N, C-alpha and C. Protein backbone atom coordinates (compact mmCIF):
# COMPACT_ATOMS: atom_id res chain seq x y z
N MET A 1 25.28 -16.99 50.77
CA MET A 1 26.43 -16.54 50.05
C MET A 1 26.71 -15.11 50.47
N SER A 2 27.94 -14.82 50.74
CA SER A 2 28.30 -13.50 51.23
C SER A 2 28.59 -12.55 50.07
N THR A 3 28.62 -11.28 50.38
CA THR A 3 28.88 -10.25 49.38
C THR A 3 30.29 -10.36 48.83
N SER A 4 31.26 -10.78 49.65
CA SER A 4 32.63 -10.86 49.17
C SER A 4 32.80 -11.98 48.15
N SER A 5 32.04 -13.06 48.25
CA SER A 5 32.17 -14.14 47.28
C SER A 5 31.53 -13.77 45.95
N ARG A 6 30.53 -12.89 45.94
CA ARG A 6 29.90 -12.45 44.70
C ARG A 6 30.81 -11.52 43.91
N SER A 7 31.59 -10.71 44.59
CA SER A 7 32.42 -9.75 43.89
C SER A 7 33.55 -10.42 43.13
N GLY A 8 33.90 -11.67 43.46
CA GLY A 8 34.95 -12.38 42.76
C GLY A 8 34.50 -12.86 41.39
N ARG A 9 33.20 -13.01 41.18
CA ARG A 9 32.69 -13.45 39.87
C ARG A 9 32.46 -12.25 38.96
N GLN A 10 32.50 -12.51 37.69
CA GLN A 10 32.23 -11.46 36.70
C GLN A 10 30.74 -11.20 36.66
N GLN A 11 30.36 -9.96 36.82
CA GLN A 11 28.95 -9.58 36.77
C GLN A 11 28.52 -9.50 35.30
N PRO A 12 27.35 -10.03 34.99
CA PRO A 12 26.88 -9.92 33.60
C PRO A 12 26.58 -8.47 33.26
N SER A 13 26.86 -8.11 32.05
CA SER A 13 26.59 -6.73 31.62
C SER A 13 25.13 -6.60 31.22
N TYR A 14 24.64 -5.40 31.40
CA TYR A 14 23.27 -5.13 31.01
C TYR A 14 23.26 -3.94 30.09
N PRO A 15 22.60 -3.93 29.01
CA PRO A 15 21.78 -4.98 28.45
C PRO A 15 22.64 -6.08 27.84
N PRO A 16 22.08 -7.27 27.67
CA PRO A 16 22.85 -8.35 27.06
C PRO A 16 23.31 -7.94 25.66
N PRO A 17 24.39 -8.51 25.18
CA PRO A 17 24.93 -8.11 23.88
C PRO A 17 23.96 -8.22 22.72
N VAL A 18 23.00 -9.14 22.79
CA VAL A 18 22.05 -9.28 21.69
C VAL A 18 21.18 -8.03 21.55
N TYR A 19 20.92 -7.33 22.66
CA TYR A 19 20.10 -6.12 22.60
C TYR A 19 20.92 -4.89 22.29
N ALA A 20 22.21 -4.98 22.42
CA ALA A 20 23.07 -3.82 22.20
C ALA A 20 23.36 -3.59 20.73
N LEU A 21 23.03 -4.54 19.85
CA LEU A 21 23.26 -4.36 18.42
C LEU A 21 22.35 -3.26 17.90
N GLY A 22 22.87 -2.45 17.03
CA GLY A 22 22.06 -1.37 16.50
C GLY A 22 22.41 -1.09 15.05
N ALA A 23 21.93 0.03 14.57
CA ALA A 23 22.17 0.40 13.18
C ALA A 23 23.64 0.69 12.91
N SER A 24 24.41 0.98 13.95
CA SER A 24 25.81 1.30 13.74
C SER A 24 26.62 0.09 13.30
N ASP A 25 26.14 -1.11 13.56
CA ASP A 25 26.89 -2.30 13.14
C ASP A 25 26.36 -2.88 11.82
N GLY A 26 25.56 -2.13 11.10
CA GLY A 26 25.09 -2.56 9.79
C GLY A 26 23.74 -3.26 9.81
N HIS A 27 23.16 -3.46 10.95
CA HIS A 27 21.85 -4.10 11.03
C HIS A 27 20.77 -3.05 10.88
N HIS A 28 19.69 -3.44 10.25
CA HIS A 28 18.55 -2.54 10.05
C HIS A 28 17.32 -3.19 10.65
N ASP A 29 16.38 -2.37 11.03
CA ASP A 29 15.13 -2.89 11.57
C ASP A 29 14.31 -3.59 10.50
N VAL A 30 14.40 -3.12 9.27
CA VAL A 30 13.61 -3.66 8.18
C VAL A 30 14.57 -4.22 7.13
N PRO A 31 14.35 -5.43 6.68
CA PRO A 31 15.26 -5.98 5.67
C PRO A 31 15.13 -5.21 4.36
N PRO A 32 16.21 -5.12 3.61
CA PRO A 32 16.14 -4.40 2.34
C PRO A 32 15.24 -5.14 1.35
N SER A 33 14.64 -4.40 0.47
CA SER A 33 13.79 -5.00 -0.55
C SER A 33 14.02 -4.26 -1.86
N GLY A 34 14.04 -5.01 -2.93
CA GLY A 34 14.31 -4.44 -4.24
C GLY A 34 13.05 -4.05 -4.98
N GLY A 35 13.26 -3.59 -6.19
CA GLY A 35 12.16 -3.13 -7.02
C GLY A 35 11.16 -4.22 -7.36
N TRP A 36 11.67 -5.44 -7.59
CA TRP A 36 10.75 -6.54 -7.91
C TRP A 36 9.83 -6.83 -6.74
N TRP A 37 10.33 -6.76 -5.52
CA TRP A 37 9.49 -7.01 -4.35
C TRP A 37 8.37 -5.99 -4.29
N TRP A 38 8.71 -4.72 -4.48
CA TRP A 38 7.70 -3.66 -4.43
C TRP A 38 6.67 -3.84 -5.54
N LEU A 39 7.12 -4.19 -6.74
CA LEU A 39 6.21 -4.40 -7.86
C LEU A 39 5.22 -5.52 -7.56
N LEU A 40 5.76 -6.66 -7.13
CA LEU A 40 4.89 -7.82 -6.88
C LEU A 40 3.99 -7.62 -5.66
N ALA A 41 4.53 -7.00 -4.62
CA ALA A 41 3.71 -6.76 -3.42
C ALA A 41 2.57 -5.79 -3.71
N THR A 42 2.85 -4.76 -4.46
CA THR A 42 1.80 -3.79 -4.80
C THR A 42 0.77 -4.41 -5.73
N ALA A 43 1.23 -5.14 -6.73
CA ALA A 43 0.29 -5.80 -7.64
C ALA A 43 -0.56 -6.82 -6.89
N GLY A 44 0.04 -7.51 -5.94
CA GLY A 44 -0.69 -8.51 -5.16
C GLY A 44 -1.80 -7.92 -4.31
N LEU A 45 -1.70 -6.63 -3.99
CA LEU A 45 -2.78 -5.98 -3.24
C LEU A 45 -4.08 -5.92 -4.04
N GLY A 46 -3.98 -6.06 -5.36
CA GLY A 46 -5.17 -6.00 -6.19
C GLY A 46 -6.18 -7.08 -5.89
N LEU A 47 -5.70 -8.26 -5.49
CA LEU A 47 -6.63 -9.36 -5.21
C LEU A 47 -7.52 -9.09 -3.99
N PRO A 48 -6.94 -8.74 -2.83
CA PRO A 48 -7.85 -8.44 -1.71
C PRO A 48 -8.69 -7.19 -1.95
N LEU A 49 -8.17 -6.23 -2.72
CA LEU A 49 -8.97 -5.04 -3.00
C LEU A 49 -10.15 -5.35 -3.90
N GLY A 50 -9.96 -6.24 -4.87
CA GLY A 50 -11.07 -6.65 -5.72
C GLY A 50 -12.14 -7.38 -4.93
N ALA A 51 -11.71 -8.23 -4.02
CA ALA A 51 -12.68 -8.94 -3.17
C ALA A 51 -13.39 -7.96 -2.23
N LEU A 52 -12.65 -7.00 -1.70
CA LEU A 52 -13.25 -5.99 -0.83
C LEU A 52 -14.28 -5.17 -1.60
N TRP A 53 -13.95 -4.78 -2.81
CA TRP A 53 -14.90 -4.02 -3.64
C TRP A 53 -16.18 -4.81 -3.84
N TRP A 54 -16.05 -6.07 -4.18
CA TRP A 54 -17.23 -6.90 -4.40
C TRP A 54 -18.04 -7.07 -3.12
N LEU A 55 -17.35 -7.15 -1.98
CA LEU A 55 -18.05 -7.35 -0.72
C LEU A 55 -18.84 -6.13 -0.26
N ILE A 56 -18.28 -4.93 -0.43
CA ILE A 56 -18.93 -3.76 0.17
C ILE A 56 -19.69 -2.88 -0.81
N ALA A 57 -19.50 -3.06 -2.10
CA ALA A 57 -20.18 -2.19 -3.07
C ALA A 57 -21.63 -2.62 -3.25
N PRO A 58 -22.50 -1.66 -3.51
CA PRO A 58 -23.89 -2.00 -3.83
C PRO A 58 -23.94 -2.88 -5.08
N GLY A 59 -24.74 -3.91 -5.04
CA GLY A 59 -24.83 -4.84 -6.15
C GLY A 59 -23.85 -5.98 -6.03
N GLY A 60 -22.97 -5.91 -5.06
CA GLY A 60 -22.01 -6.99 -4.82
C GLY A 60 -22.60 -8.01 -3.88
N ALA A 61 -21.75 -8.53 -3.02
CA ALA A 61 -22.19 -9.58 -2.10
C ALA A 61 -23.07 -9.05 -0.98
N ALA A 62 -22.89 -7.80 -0.59
CA ALA A 62 -23.55 -7.29 0.61
C ALA A 62 -25.04 -7.01 0.42
N TYR A 63 -25.39 -6.24 -0.59
CA TYR A 63 -26.78 -5.85 -0.71
C TYR A 63 -27.09 -5.36 -2.11
N SER A 64 -28.36 -5.30 -2.43
CA SER A 64 -28.92 -4.74 -3.64
C SER A 64 -28.71 -5.65 -4.85
N ASP A 65 -29.40 -5.29 -5.92
CA ASP A 65 -29.35 -6.05 -7.16
C ASP A 65 -28.33 -5.41 -8.10
N SER A 66 -27.41 -6.21 -8.62
CA SER A 66 -26.38 -5.66 -9.51
C SER A 66 -26.95 -5.25 -10.86
N GLY A 67 -28.13 -5.70 -11.20
CA GLY A 67 -28.74 -5.32 -12.46
C GLY A 67 -29.47 -3.99 -12.40
N ASP A 68 -29.62 -3.44 -11.22
CA ASP A 68 -30.31 -2.17 -11.05
C ASP A 68 -29.37 -1.03 -11.45
N PRO A 69 -29.70 -0.26 -12.49
CA PRO A 69 -28.80 0.81 -12.94
C PRO A 69 -28.59 1.93 -11.92
N THR A 70 -29.45 2.02 -10.93
CA THR A 70 -29.28 3.08 -9.93
C THR A 70 -28.12 2.81 -8.99
N VAL A 71 -27.61 1.60 -8.93
CA VAL A 71 -26.48 1.30 -8.04
C VAL A 71 -25.15 1.31 -8.78
N TRP A 72 -25.14 1.48 -10.08
CA TRP A 72 -23.89 1.41 -10.84
C TRP A 72 -22.93 2.51 -10.43
N LEU A 73 -23.42 3.72 -10.24
CA LEU A 73 -22.53 4.81 -9.83
C LEU A 73 -21.93 4.53 -8.45
N ALA A 74 -22.74 4.02 -7.55
CA ALA A 74 -22.24 3.69 -6.21
C ALA A 74 -21.19 2.57 -6.27
N GLN A 75 -21.37 1.61 -7.17
CA GLN A 75 -20.35 0.57 -7.36
C GLN A 75 -19.02 1.18 -7.78
N GLU A 76 -19.08 2.07 -8.74
CA GLU A 76 -17.85 2.67 -9.26
C GLU A 76 -17.20 3.61 -8.24
N MET A 77 -18.01 4.35 -7.51
CA MET A 77 -17.44 5.25 -6.51
C MET A 77 -16.83 4.47 -5.34
N THR A 78 -17.38 3.32 -5.05
CA THR A 78 -16.80 2.47 -4.01
C THR A 78 -15.40 2.03 -4.43
N LEU A 79 -15.26 1.59 -5.68
CA LEU A 79 -13.94 1.20 -6.17
C LEU A 79 -13.01 2.41 -6.22
N ALA A 80 -13.53 3.57 -6.59
CA ALA A 80 -12.69 4.77 -6.65
C ALA A 80 -12.13 5.12 -5.27
N VAL A 81 -12.96 5.05 -4.24
CA VAL A 81 -12.49 5.35 -2.89
C VAL A 81 -11.46 4.33 -2.44
N ILE A 82 -11.70 3.07 -2.73
CA ILE A 82 -10.74 2.02 -2.36
C ILE A 82 -9.40 2.27 -3.05
N MET A 83 -9.42 2.59 -4.32
CA MET A 83 -8.19 2.84 -5.08
C MET A 83 -7.46 4.08 -4.56
N LEU A 84 -8.19 5.12 -4.27
CA LEU A 84 -7.58 6.36 -3.78
C LEU A 84 -6.93 6.17 -2.42
N VAL A 85 -7.63 5.54 -1.50
CA VAL A 85 -7.08 5.30 -0.16
C VAL A 85 -5.85 4.39 -0.24
N THR A 86 -5.93 3.36 -1.05
CA THR A 86 -4.79 2.45 -1.20
C THR A 86 -3.59 3.19 -1.79
N GLY A 87 -3.81 4.04 -2.77
CA GLY A 87 -2.72 4.81 -3.35
C GLY A 87 -2.05 5.73 -2.35
N ILE A 88 -2.84 6.35 -1.50
CA ILE A 88 -2.28 7.24 -0.47
C ILE A 88 -1.46 6.44 0.54
N VAL A 89 -1.98 5.31 0.99
CA VAL A 89 -1.26 4.49 1.97
C VAL A 89 0.03 3.93 1.36
N VAL A 90 -0.05 3.40 0.16
CA VAL A 90 1.15 2.85 -0.49
C VAL A 90 2.17 3.95 -0.73
N GLY A 91 1.74 5.13 -1.14
CA GLY A 91 2.67 6.24 -1.34
C GLY A 91 3.37 6.65 -0.06
N CYS A 92 2.64 6.66 1.04
CA CYS A 92 3.25 6.99 2.34
C CYS A 92 4.28 5.94 2.74
N VAL A 93 3.96 4.68 2.55
CA VAL A 93 4.89 3.61 2.90
C VAL A 93 6.14 3.68 2.04
N VAL A 94 5.97 3.91 0.75
CA VAL A 94 7.11 3.95 -0.17
C VAL A 94 8.03 5.12 0.15
N SER A 95 7.48 6.27 0.42
CA SER A 95 8.31 7.46 0.60
C SER A 95 8.95 7.55 1.98
N THR A 96 8.37 6.90 2.97
CA THR A 96 8.94 7.01 4.32
C THR A 96 9.80 5.82 4.71
N ARG A 97 9.93 4.84 3.86
CA ARG A 97 10.75 3.67 4.19
C ARG A 97 12.22 4.05 4.09
N PRO A 98 13.01 3.74 5.11
CA PRO A 98 14.43 4.10 5.08
C PRO A 98 15.22 3.19 4.15
N GLY A 99 16.32 3.75 3.63
CA GLY A 99 17.25 2.97 2.81
C GLY A 99 16.75 2.73 1.41
N GLY A 100 17.68 2.41 0.54
CA GLY A 100 17.33 2.10 -0.84
C GLY A 100 16.99 3.34 -1.64
N SER A 101 16.67 3.11 -2.88
CA SER A 101 16.35 4.19 -3.80
C SER A 101 14.85 4.44 -3.85
N VAL A 102 14.46 5.65 -3.53
CA VAL A 102 13.04 6.00 -3.58
C VAL A 102 12.53 5.96 -5.02
N ALA A 103 13.39 6.30 -5.97
CA ALA A 103 12.98 6.30 -7.38
C ALA A 103 12.63 4.89 -7.85
N ILE A 104 13.45 3.92 -7.49
CA ILE A 104 13.17 2.54 -7.89
C ILE A 104 11.89 2.05 -7.22
N ARG A 105 11.74 2.34 -5.94
CA ARG A 105 10.52 1.93 -5.24
C ARG A 105 9.29 2.59 -5.85
N THR A 106 9.41 3.85 -6.21
CA THR A 106 8.27 4.58 -6.77
C THR A 106 7.86 4.00 -8.12
N VAL A 107 8.82 3.80 -9.00
CA VAL A 107 8.50 3.23 -10.32
C VAL A 107 7.90 1.84 -10.16
N ALA A 108 8.48 1.03 -9.29
CA ALA A 108 7.98 -0.33 -9.10
C ALA A 108 6.57 -0.32 -8.51
N THR A 109 6.30 0.55 -7.55
CA THR A 109 4.96 0.57 -6.97
C THR A 109 3.92 1.16 -7.91
N VAL A 110 4.30 2.13 -8.72
CA VAL A 110 3.34 2.67 -9.68
C VAL A 110 2.99 1.62 -10.73
N LEU A 111 4.00 0.89 -11.22
CA LEU A 111 3.71 -0.20 -12.16
C LEU A 111 2.89 -1.30 -11.49
N GLY A 112 3.24 -1.62 -10.25
CA GLY A 112 2.46 -2.61 -9.50
C GLY A 112 1.04 -2.15 -9.26
N ALA A 113 0.86 -0.85 -9.05
CA ALA A 113 -0.49 -0.31 -8.84
C ALA A 113 -1.33 -0.41 -10.11
N VAL A 114 -0.70 -0.23 -11.27
CA VAL A 114 -1.43 -0.39 -12.54
C VAL A 114 -1.92 -1.83 -12.67
N VAL A 115 -1.01 -2.77 -12.43
CA VAL A 115 -1.38 -4.19 -12.52
C VAL A 115 -2.40 -4.54 -11.44
N GLY A 116 -2.19 -4.04 -10.21
CA GLY A 116 -3.11 -4.33 -9.12
C GLY A 116 -4.50 -3.76 -9.37
N SER A 117 -4.59 -2.60 -9.99
CA SER A 117 -5.90 -2.02 -10.31
C SER A 117 -6.67 -2.90 -11.28
N VAL A 118 -5.99 -3.36 -12.30
CA VAL A 118 -6.64 -4.24 -13.28
C VAL A 118 -7.05 -5.55 -12.61
N MET A 119 -6.17 -6.08 -11.74
CA MET A 119 -6.51 -7.33 -11.04
C MET A 119 -7.72 -7.14 -10.14
N ALA A 120 -7.80 -6.01 -9.44
CA ALA A 120 -8.94 -5.74 -8.56
C ALA A 120 -10.23 -5.65 -9.38
N TRP A 121 -10.17 -4.96 -10.48
CA TRP A 121 -11.33 -4.81 -11.36
C TRP A 121 -11.80 -6.17 -11.87
N GLN A 122 -10.86 -6.96 -12.37
CA GLN A 122 -11.22 -8.25 -12.94
C GLN A 122 -11.73 -9.23 -11.89
N LEU A 123 -11.09 -9.25 -10.71
CA LEU A 123 -11.56 -10.16 -9.66
C LEU A 123 -12.94 -9.75 -9.16
N GLY A 124 -13.15 -8.45 -8.92
CA GLY A 124 -14.46 -8.00 -8.48
C GLY A 124 -15.54 -8.32 -9.50
N THR A 125 -15.24 -8.12 -10.77
CA THR A 125 -16.20 -8.42 -11.83
C THR A 125 -16.47 -9.92 -11.91
N LEU A 126 -15.42 -10.72 -11.76
CA LEU A 126 -15.60 -12.17 -11.78
C LEU A 126 -16.47 -12.64 -10.61
N LEU A 127 -16.16 -12.15 -9.42
CA LEU A 127 -16.97 -12.52 -8.26
C LEU A 127 -18.41 -12.06 -8.41
N GLY A 128 -18.59 -10.88 -8.99
CA GLY A 128 -19.94 -10.38 -9.22
C GLY A 128 -20.70 -11.22 -10.24
N SER A 129 -20.02 -11.70 -11.26
CA SER A 129 -20.70 -12.52 -12.27
C SER A 129 -21.06 -13.89 -11.72
N LEU A 130 -20.29 -14.37 -10.75
CA LEU A 130 -20.60 -15.67 -10.15
C LEU A 130 -21.81 -15.61 -9.23
N THR A 131 -22.06 -14.46 -8.66
CA THR A 131 -23.14 -14.35 -7.68
C THR A 131 -24.37 -13.62 -8.18
N SER A 132 -24.28 -12.95 -9.33
CA SER A 132 -25.45 -12.21 -9.81
C SER A 132 -26.24 -13.06 -10.81
N GLU A 133 -27.44 -12.58 -11.08
CA GLU A 133 -28.29 -13.26 -12.04
C GLU A 133 -27.83 -12.97 -13.44
N PRO A 134 -28.07 -13.88 -14.35
CA PRO A 134 -27.66 -13.64 -15.73
C PRO A 134 -28.40 -12.45 -16.34
N ASN A 135 -27.78 -11.84 -17.29
CA ASN A 135 -28.34 -10.67 -17.96
C ASN A 135 -29.54 -11.10 -18.79
N ASP A 136 -30.66 -10.39 -18.61
CA ASP A 136 -31.83 -10.72 -19.41
C ASP A 136 -31.85 -9.96 -20.72
N GLY A 137 -30.90 -9.06 -20.94
CA GLY A 137 -30.76 -8.38 -22.22
C GLY A 137 -31.65 -7.19 -22.42
N HIS A 138 -32.47 -6.82 -21.46
CA HIS A 138 -33.38 -5.70 -21.67
C HIS A 138 -32.66 -4.36 -21.72
N MET A 139 -31.44 -4.27 -21.19
CA MET A 139 -30.70 -3.01 -21.20
C MET A 139 -29.76 -2.93 -22.41
N GLY A 140 -29.49 -4.05 -23.04
CA GLY A 140 -28.59 -4.05 -24.17
C GLY A 140 -27.13 -4.06 -23.75
N LEU A 141 -26.86 -4.03 -22.47
CA LEU A 141 -25.49 -4.05 -21.94
C LEU A 141 -25.38 -5.14 -20.90
N ASP A 142 -24.15 -5.43 -20.49
CA ASP A 142 -23.98 -6.32 -19.36
C ASP A 142 -24.41 -5.55 -18.13
N THR A 143 -25.44 -5.99 -17.48
CA THR A 143 -25.97 -5.26 -16.35
C THR A 143 -25.55 -5.85 -15.02
N GLY A 144 -24.52 -6.70 -15.02
CA GLY A 144 -24.06 -7.29 -13.78
C GLY A 144 -23.09 -6.38 -13.05
N PHE A 145 -22.52 -6.92 -12.01
CA PHE A 145 -21.56 -6.18 -11.20
C PHE A 145 -20.32 -5.95 -12.04
N GLY A 146 -19.86 -4.72 -12.09
CA GLY A 146 -18.67 -4.42 -12.88
C GLY A 146 -18.34 -2.94 -12.87
N LEU A 147 -17.44 -2.60 -13.76
CA LEU A 147 -16.95 -1.23 -13.85
C LEU A 147 -17.24 -0.71 -15.25
N ARG A 148 -17.92 0.39 -15.33
CA ARG A 148 -18.24 0.98 -16.62
C ARG A 148 -17.30 2.13 -16.98
N SER A 149 -16.66 2.71 -16.01
CA SER A 149 -15.71 3.81 -16.23
C SER A 149 -14.31 3.33 -15.83
N VAL A 150 -13.57 2.81 -16.80
CA VAL A 150 -12.26 2.22 -16.50
C VAL A 150 -11.21 3.27 -16.13
N SER A 151 -11.53 4.54 -16.29
CA SER A 151 -10.58 5.58 -15.88
C SER A 151 -10.37 5.60 -14.37
N ILE A 152 -11.26 4.97 -13.63
CA ILE A 152 -11.10 4.87 -12.18
C ILE A 152 -9.84 4.08 -11.84
N LEU A 153 -9.41 3.21 -12.73
CA LEU A 153 -8.25 2.37 -12.47
C LEU A 153 -6.94 3.16 -12.35
N VAL A 154 -6.90 4.39 -12.83
CA VAL A 154 -5.66 5.17 -12.72
C VAL A 154 -5.56 5.89 -11.38
N LEU A 155 -6.58 5.84 -10.55
CA LEU A 155 -6.53 6.55 -9.27
C LEU A 155 -5.46 6.01 -8.34
N TRP A 156 -5.31 4.71 -8.25
CA TRP A 156 -4.32 4.11 -7.37
C TRP A 156 -2.90 4.48 -7.78
N PRO A 157 -2.49 4.25 -9.04
CA PRO A 157 -1.12 4.66 -9.41
C PRO A 157 -0.90 6.17 -9.31
N PHE A 158 -1.91 6.94 -9.68
CA PHE A 158 -1.77 8.39 -9.63
C PHE A 158 -1.61 8.88 -8.20
N ALA A 159 -2.44 8.38 -7.29
CA ALA A 159 -2.35 8.79 -5.88
C ALA A 159 -1.01 8.38 -5.29
N THR A 160 -0.52 7.20 -5.63
CA THR A 160 0.79 6.75 -5.14
C THR A 160 1.88 7.70 -5.60
N ALA A 161 1.90 8.03 -6.87
CA ALA A 161 2.94 8.91 -7.42
C ALA A 161 2.87 10.31 -6.80
N VAL A 162 1.68 10.85 -6.63
CA VAL A 162 1.54 12.19 -6.07
C VAL A 162 1.99 12.22 -4.61
N VAL A 163 1.61 11.22 -3.83
CA VAL A 163 2.00 11.19 -2.42
C VAL A 163 3.52 11.07 -2.29
N VAL A 164 4.14 10.22 -3.11
CA VAL A 164 5.60 10.09 -3.06
C VAL A 164 6.25 11.40 -3.46
N LEU A 165 5.73 12.06 -4.48
CA LEU A 165 6.29 13.34 -4.92
C LEU A 165 6.19 14.39 -3.82
N VAL A 166 5.05 14.48 -3.18
CA VAL A 166 4.86 15.48 -2.13
C VAL A 166 5.74 15.17 -0.92
N LEU A 167 5.75 13.91 -0.50
CA LEU A 167 6.53 13.56 0.69
C LEU A 167 8.04 13.58 0.44
N SER A 168 8.46 13.31 -0.78
CA SER A 168 9.90 13.37 -1.04
C SER A 168 10.39 14.81 -1.11
N GLY A 169 9.50 15.73 -1.40
CA GLY A 169 9.88 17.13 -1.43
C GLY A 169 9.73 17.83 -0.10
N PHE A 170 8.78 17.37 0.71
CA PHE A 170 8.49 18.06 1.96
C PHE A 170 8.53 17.16 3.18
N GLY A 171 8.82 15.89 3.01
CA GLY A 171 8.77 14.93 4.10
C GLY A 171 9.96 15.04 5.04
N PRO A 172 10.00 14.17 6.03
CA PRO A 172 11.05 14.22 7.05
C PRO A 172 12.44 13.97 6.50
N ASP A 173 12.60 13.12 5.49
CA ASP A 173 13.93 12.87 4.93
C ASP A 173 14.50 14.13 4.29
N ARG A 174 13.67 14.89 3.62
CA ARG A 174 14.11 16.11 2.95
C ARG A 174 14.57 17.14 3.99
N ARG A 175 13.86 17.27 5.09
CA ARG A 175 14.24 18.23 6.12
C ARG A 175 15.55 17.83 6.79
N GLN A 176 15.78 16.55 6.98
CA GLN A 176 17.03 16.12 7.59
C GLN A 176 18.21 16.39 6.67
N ASP A 177 18.02 16.21 5.36
CA ASP A 177 19.10 16.48 4.41
C ASP A 177 19.47 17.96 4.40
N THR A 178 18.47 18.85 4.51
CA THR A 178 18.78 20.27 4.48
C THR A 178 19.47 20.71 5.76
N LYS A 179 19.16 20.07 6.89
CA LYS A 179 19.86 20.40 8.13
C LYS A 179 21.32 19.99 8.05
N ALA A 180 21.60 18.89 7.37
CA ALA A 180 22.98 18.43 7.24
C ALA A 180 23.80 19.37 6.35
N LEU A 181 23.14 20.08 5.44
CA LEU A 181 23.85 20.97 4.53
C LEU A 181 24.09 22.36 5.12
N GLU A 182 23.35 22.71 6.19
CA GLU A 182 23.50 24.03 6.78
C GLU A 182 24.84 24.12 7.51
N PRO A 183 25.54 25.24 7.39
CA PRO A 183 26.82 25.38 8.07
C PRO A 183 26.62 25.54 9.59
N ASP A 184 27.61 25.09 10.33
CA ASP A 184 27.57 25.18 11.79
C ASP A 184 27.99 26.60 12.18
N THR A 185 27.08 27.38 12.74
CA THR A 185 27.35 28.77 13.12
C THR A 185 27.52 28.95 14.62
N SER A 186 27.65 27.85 15.34
CA SER A 186 27.76 27.95 16.80
C SER A 186 29.15 28.42 17.25
N ASN A 187 30.17 28.35 16.41
CA ASN A 187 31.52 28.77 16.81
C ASN A 187 31.75 30.23 16.61
């Protein structure tokens, strides 16, 4: 085929039209999600976190006896670290996600974190009771795998709220808004 016969045909454009779509035509990389989605997704994180707590905490599935009082503090600190890290990660995701109302996402995730914390606690305790030996009563308390300081449950919602507050005040979205408000002095 000669070069002159190719020039008579229409050359395909590059990139193809499917790749040329962008945010200017109303499409977004991430689909929008409402407050209910954030609430349920955050609360749903409680189940894998409860299982993770039971798996890695002393007295859980991994090692040691759950009836030994010397491991109780380590059990609770393990859950505290899990809750704190999860709150920080969820707060970062909530505050840096484009579009929608940050206030609605924040309220929904904090409420979801409260529910998720309770779910994690209950699931971890349930799994611990299924795998530990029954209480012989010598301590006068339930000496199985569980949580004795329920105030640890507020770490996840608190960390989420603090991270969103800090990032909404100092994060990249805030800096972009202030640049848009500055007058153009180049003229």
